[in-house]
C-alpha cells in the first residue's frame, strides 16, 4: 500500500494529529496493513497485548465471553477507530475478543516497535500525552 495513504490515514487519527511530518513518518514506517474477512478473529481475550489496531475500513465487534461461553458485546467499532482502547501504554492481555463483522483493512502497530520509535523521537511522547489529556 502507498505510504502516503497510510500517512494520510494516521494523520486523521486524533492521537497523531499534533505530530509533524518526520514524527508521523516514523510511525508510518512501523505500520503494517492487514486484511480480514468477515467473521475472522483479530485477537482473543487473554492473548498477549502486543499491538494496536486502527480501522481503515470495515467493522468489528469487541466482546467478552463468560465461563459458560455466553457472549457479551462490549462495543462495535468502525472506520477511524483505534483498539484496544487501552492503547500503547498498557501491558498485559487483550481484555476482550475482536471479531470482524464486515470485511476490514486494519493498520497494525507493534507496541514494541512503537516504544523503540519513542526512544528515537522522545518529543512524540509529550505530544501524545497532550492529546490524551484532552
Protein backbone atom coordinates (compact mmCIF):
# COMPACT_ATOMS: atom_id res chain seq x y z
CA UNK A 1 0.00 0.00 0.00
CA UNK A 2 1.12 3.51 -0.76
CA UNK A 3 2.97 5.13 2.16
CA UNK A 4 1.12 8.40 1.54
CA UNK A 5 -2.22 6.61 2.03
CA UNK A 6 -1.05 5.26 5.40
CA UNK A 7 0.33 8.66 6.38
CA UNK A 8 -2.86 10.46 5.40
CA UNK A 9 -4.98 7.98 7.36
CA UNK A 10 -2.83 8.12 10.50
CA UNK A 11 -2.74 11.91 10.40
CA UNK A 12 -6.54 11.88 10.72
CA UNK A 13 -6.34 9.83 13.93
CA UNK A 14 -6.79 12.13 16.93
CA UNK A 15 -3.81 10.62 18.73
CA UNK A 16 -1.41 11.56 15.93
CA UNK A 17 -2.78 14.96 14.82
CA UNK A 18 -0.11 17.00 16.63
CA UNK A 19 2.83 15.19 15.01
CA UNK A 20 4.99 16.80 12.35
CA UNK A 21 5.87 15.02 9.09
CA UNK A 22 9.11 13.48 10.39
CA UNK A 23 7.42 12.11 13.51
CA UNK A 24 4.47 10.77 11.53
CA UNK A 25 6.85 9.15 9.03
CA UNK A 26 8.48 7.29 11.92
CA UNK A 27 5.08 5.83 12.81
CA UNK A 28 4.23 5.05 9.18
CA UNK A 29 7.48 3.07 8.96
CA UNK A 30 6.33 0.70 11.71
CA UNK A 31 2.75 0.37 10.46
CA UNK A 32 1.50 -2.71 8.61
CA UNK A 33 -1.72 -3.26 6.70
CA UNK A 34 -3.67 -6.43 7.42
CA UNK A 35 -6.83 -7.51 5.62
CA UNK A 36 -9.51 -9.51 7.42
CA UNK A 37 -12.57 -11.29 6.08
CA UNK A 38 -15.92 -11.30 7.83
CA UNK A 39 -16.06 -13.47 10.99
CA UNK A 40 -12.26 -13.62 11.38
CA UNK A 41 -10.89 -13.05 14.86
CA UNK A 42 -8.28 -10.31 15.10
CA UNK A 43 -7.33 -11.39 18.62
CA UNK A 44 -8.81 -13.33 21.50
CA UNK A 45 -9.47 -12.33 25.08
CA UNK A 46 -6.39 -13.19 27.11
CA UNK A 47 -3.90 -13.11 24.20
CA UNK A 48 -0.80 -11.02 24.93
CA UNK A 49 -1.44 -7.33 24.29
CA UNK A 50 1.41 -6.66 21.87
CA UNK A 51 -0.09 -4.47 19.14
CA UNK A 52 -2.62 -1.75 18.49
CA UNK A 53 -5.04 -1.61 15.56
CA UNK A 54 -6.59 1.22 13.55
CA UNK A 55 -9.59 0.56 11.32
CA UNK A 56 -9.09 1.87 7.79
CA UNK A 57 -12.29 0.20 6.56
CA UNK A 58 -14.83 -2.32 7.77
CA UNK A 59 -16.42 -3.02 11.12
CA UNK A 60 -15.59 -5.08 14.20
CA UNK A 61 -17.30 -6.17 17.35
CA UNK A 62 -15.47 -6.32 20.64
CA UNK A 63 -16.93 -8.87 23.02
CA UNK A 64 -16.19 -10.87 26.12
CA UNK A 65 -17.22 -14.41 26.92
CA UNK A 66 -18.08 -15.74 30.34
CA UNK A 67 -17.26 -19.20 31.76
CA UNK A 68 -20.30 -20.66 30.01
CA UNK A 69 -19.27 -19.25 26.64
CA UNK A 70 -22.00 -16.62 26.67
CA UNK A 71 -21.07 -13.58 24.57
CA UNK A 72 -21.38 -10.00 25.83
CA UNK A 73 -20.77 -7.31 23.20
CA UNK A 74 -18.66 -4.50 24.60
CA UNK A 75 -18.62 -2.26 21.52
CA UNK A 76 -18.95 -2.03 17.76
CA UNK A 77 -16.03 -0.28 16.06
CA UNK A 78 -15.87 1.40 12.66
CA UNK A 79 -13.53 3.25 10.31
CA UNK A 80 -11.07 5.55 12.03
CA UNK A 81 -11.25 3.92 15.45
CA UNK A 82 -8.33 2.54 17.42
CA UNK A 83 -8.46 -0.62 19.51
CA UNK A 84 -7.91 -1.86 22.07
CA UNK A 85 -8.82 1.39 23.74
CA UNK A 86 -6.12 0.85 26.37
CA UNK A 87 -3.74 1.60 23.50
CA UNK A 88 0.03 1.71 23.57
CA UNK A 89 0.50 2.45 27.24
CA UNK A 90 -0.71 -0.73 28.90
CA UNK A 91 0.81 -4.16 29.23
CA UNK A 92 -0.84 -7.48 29.83
CA UNK A 93 -3.52 -9.23 27.80
CA UNK A 94 -6.25 -8.20 25.41
CA UNK A 95 -9.32 -7.56 27.58
CA UNK A 96 -11.80 -8.97 25.02
CA UNK A 97 -12.19 -10.72 21.67
CA UNK A 98 -12.20 -8.72 18.41
CA UNK A 99 -14.18 -10.20 15.52
CA UNK A 100 -14.59 -8.73 12.05
CA UNK A 101 -18.28 -8.20 11.24
CA UNK A 102 -17.68 -6.51 7.88
CA UNK A 103 -14.57 -7.17 5.78
CA UNK A 104 -11.86 -4.92 7.18
CA UNK A 105 -8.49 -3.34 6.45
CA UNK A 106 -6.60 -2.68 9.66
CA UNK A 107 -3.40 -0.80 10.23
CA UNK A 108 -1.35 -2.55 12.90
CA UNK A 109 1.44 -1.13 15.04
CA UNK A 110 3.55 -3.34 17.28
CA UNK A 111 3.82 -1.91 20.79
CA UNK A 112 7.48 -2.94 20.94
CA UNK A 113 8.23 -1.08 17.69
CA UNK A 114 6.23 1.92 18.93
CA UNK A 115 8.28 2.05 22.14
CA UNK A 116 11.54 1.90 20.13
CA UNK A 117 10.27 4.77 17.97
CA UNK A 118 9.51 6.82 21.10
CA UNK A 119 13.12 6.41 22.21
CA UNK A 120 14.25 7.89 18.88
CA UNK A 121 11.64 10.67 18.97
CA UNK A 122 11.02 11.48 22.67
CA UNK A 123 9.08 14.64 21.78
CA UNK A 124 6.35 12.37 20.35
CA UNK A 125 5.61 11.15 23.88
CA UNK A 126 4.93 14.68 25.05
CA UNK A 127 2.65 15.38 22.10
CA UNK A 128 0.72 12.14 22.63
CA UNK A 129 0.20 12.87 26.32
CA UNK A 130 -1.11 16.33 25.46
CA UNK A 131 -3.70 14.78 23.13
CA UNK A 132 -4.63 12.14 25.71
CA UNK A 133 -5.06 14.82 28.36
CA UNK A 134 -7.92 16.48 26.45
